[in-house]
Amino acid sequence: MTAAPMSPPIPNQARELLGAATRGLLEAYATPEPARRYAAAHLAALRAAAAVLAARAHPVRRGRIRSVWALLPAVAPQLQEWAAFFAAGAAKRAAADAGLPVVSAREADDLVRDAETFLAQVCALLGVDQQAILPGGAQEH
């Protein structure tokens, strides 16, 4: 009987980014102020995307600096729509992060849920048990 092929382990940097994304999402859920909640959720999604790049991208030393959202579709085409969605909200996140009242409570709540869905898809893509990256969860090595 042959064992099912195991997915390769992800680099520690990617695992740390997933943990930071999870903590950021928990912070977003706990933050009552819509602008701060929106910014925390967007940053959590950004860290999840960075985890995909850390796990899958190969360093390239040429060209100009590009955003995580621009690079993500090259290493995970199935996340292209998510990349476009979060890239479109980057300016609003920057304004919210600066404390400007640019988002409603509903927009913030919607983004928190979207970031949670995105993080779950990233974990599935990387073969990481989402429970293992929760604060206090069992870390896989």
Protein backbone atom coordinates (compact mmCIF):
# COMPACT_ATOMS: atom_id res chain seq x y z
CA MET A 1 0.00 0.00 0.00
CA THR A 2 1.40 3.39 -1.00
CA ALA A 3 1.14 6.43 1.25
CA ALA A 4 -0.46 9.55 -0.17
CA PRO A 5 2.10 12.15 -1.24
CA MET A 6 2.65 14.78 1.41
CA SER A 7 2.83 18.44 0.49
CA PRO A 8 6.26 19.93 1.07
CA PRO A 9 6.62 21.83 4.33
CA ILE A 10 6.28 25.56 4.02
CA PRO A 11 9.15 27.82 5.05
CA ASN A 12 9.14 29.20 8.58
CA GLN A 13 8.81 32.73 7.23
CA ALA A 14 5.55 31.78 5.49
CA ARG A 15 4.25 30.11 8.66
CA GLU A 16 5.15 33.23 10.69
CA LEU A 17 3.32 35.43 8.19
CA LEU A 18 0.24 33.21 8.45
CA GLY A 19 0.40 33.53 12.22
CA ALA A 20 0.68 37.32 11.92
CA ALA A 21 -2.26 37.34 9.51
CA THR A 22 -4.34 35.33 11.97
CA ARG A 23 -3.44 37.62 14.86
CA GLY A 24 -4.26 40.64 12.71
CA LEU A 25 -7.63 39.17 11.83
CA LEU A 26 -8.37 38.54 15.50
CA GLU A 27 -7.38 42.14 16.21
CA ALA A 28 -9.72 43.33 13.46
CA TYR A 29 -12.61 41.40 14.98
CA ALA A 30 -11.89 42.95 18.39
CA THR A 31 -11.52 46.55 17.17
CA PRO A 32 -14.68 48.64 17.48
CA GLU A 33 -13.52 51.62 15.36
CA PRO A 34 -14.37 50.95 11.67
CA ALA A 35 -11.26 52.60 10.18
CA ARG A 36 -8.91 50.63 12.44
CA ARG A 37 -10.92 47.42 11.87
CA TYR A 38 -10.70 47.90 8.08
CA ALA A 39 -6.96 48.61 8.20
CA ALA A 40 -6.28 45.59 10.43
CA ALA A 41 -8.28 43.28 8.15
CA HIS A 42 -6.53 44.54 5.02
CA LEU A 43 -3.12 44.15 6.66
CA ALA A 44 -4.05 40.59 7.70
CA ALA A 45 -4.87 39.79 4.06
CA LEU A 46 -1.60 41.39 2.96
CA ARG A 47 0.34 39.16 5.36
CA ALA A 48 -1.52 36.08 4.10
CA ALA A 49 -0.59 37.01 0.52
CA ALA A 50 3.02 37.56 1.59
CA ALA A 51 2.98 34.05 3.08
CA VAL A 52 2.09 32.64 -0.35
CA LEU A 53 4.98 34.55 -1.89
CA ALA A 54 7.34 33.36 0.85
CA ALA A 55 6.29 29.78 0.22
CA ARG A 56 6.19 29.79 -3.57
CA ALA A 57 8.11 32.68 -5.11
CA HIS A 58 11.66 32.49 -6.32
CA PRO A 59 13.73 35.63 -5.73
CA VAL A 60 14.33 37.74 -8.80
CA ARG A 61 16.79 40.62 -8.72
CA ARG A 62 15.66 42.52 -11.80
CA GLY A 63 13.03 45.13 -12.50
CA ARG A 64 11.23 47.56 -10.28
CA ILE A 65 9.65 46.86 -6.92
CA ARG A 66 6.12 45.52 -7.26
CA SER A 67 3.38 45.14 -4.70
CA VAL A 68 2.45 41.83 -3.15
CA TRP A 69 -0.90 42.11 -4.93
CA ALA A 70 0.84 42.47 -8.31
CA LEU A 71 3.13 39.48 -7.64
CA LEU A 72 0.56 37.10 -6.14
CA PRO A 73 -1.18 36.02 -9.39
CA ALA A 74 2.17 34.90 -10.84
CA VAL A 75 2.71 32.33 -8.08
CA ALA A 76 -0.94 31.54 -7.31
CA PRO A 77 -3.16 32.25 -10.34
CA GLN A 78 -6.20 30.98 -8.46
CA LEU A 79 -5.87 34.01 -6.14
CA GLN A 80 -5.88 36.56 -8.98
CA GLU A 81 -9.36 37.91 -8.18
CA TRP A 82 -8.46 38.25 -4.52
CA ALA A 83 -5.28 40.11 -5.45
CA ALA A 84 -7.25 42.56 -7.59
CA PHE A 85 -9.85 43.00 -4.85
CA PHE A 86 -7.34 43.78 -2.10
CA ALA A 87 -5.17 45.92 -4.41
CA ALA A 88 -8.22 48.06 -5.12
CA GLY A 89 -8.65 48.66 -1.38
CA ALA A 90 -5.02 49.56 -0.65
CA ALA A 91 -5.50 53.35 -0.86
CA LYS A 92 -8.57 53.15 1.37
CA ARG A 93 -6.57 51.06 3.86
CA ALA A 94 -3.81 53.67 3.90
CA ALA A 95 -6.35 56.40 4.59
CA ALA A 96 -8.04 54.31 7.28
CA ASP A 97 -4.65 53.51 8.79
CA ALA A 98 -4.01 57.25 8.98
CA GLY A 99 -7.17 57.59 11.05
CA LEU A 100 -9.33 59.15 8.37
CA PRO A 101 -13.03 58.22 8.53
CA VAL A 102 -13.14 56.70 5.04
CA VAL A 103 -15.06 53.50 5.77
CA SER A 104 -18.38 52.67 7.34
CA ALA A 105 -18.85 49.99 9.98
CA ARG A 106 -20.45 47.79 7.31
CA GLU A 107 -17.48 48.18 4.94
CA ALA A 108 -15.11 47.29 7.78
CA ASP A 109 -17.19 44.24 8.75
CA ASP A 110 -17.36 43.09 5.13
CA LEU A 111 -13.60 43.40 4.73
CA VAL A 112 -12.97 41.44 7.93
CA ARG A 113 -15.11 38.60 6.58
CA ASP A 114 -13.40 38.80 3.18
CA ALA A 115 -9.96 38.71 4.79
CA GLU A 116 -11.02 35.69 6.85
CA THR A 117 -12.18 33.87 3.71
CA PHE A 118 -8.95 34.80 1.93
CA LEU A 119 -6.82 33.55 4.82
CA ALA A 120 -8.71 30.25 4.82
CA GLN A 121 -8.08 29.87 1.07
CA VAL A 122 -4.39 30.66 1.51
CA CYS A 123 -4.09 28.08 4.29
CA ALA A 124 -5.79 25.47 2.11
CA LEU A 125 -3.55 26.37 -0.83
CA LEU A 126 -0.41 25.99 1.27
CA GLY A 127 -1.65 22.85 3.02
CA VAL A 128 -1.60 24.44 6.46
CA ASP A 129 -4.13 23.57 9.13
CA GLN A 130 -5.61 26.94 10.04
CA GLN A 131 -6.11 25.79 13.64
CA ALA A 132 -2.37 25.21 13.93
CA ILE A 133 -1.60 28.88 13.29
CA LEU A 134 -4.08 30.27 15.82
CA PRO A 135 -2.44 31.91 18.85
CA GLY A 136 -1.76 29.10 21.29
CA GLY A 137 -2.35 26.49 18.54
CA ALA A 138 -0.06 23.56 17.89
CA GLN A 139 2.71 24.76 15.57
CA GLU A 140 3.71 22.25 12.91
CA HIS A 141 7.43 21.91 12.25
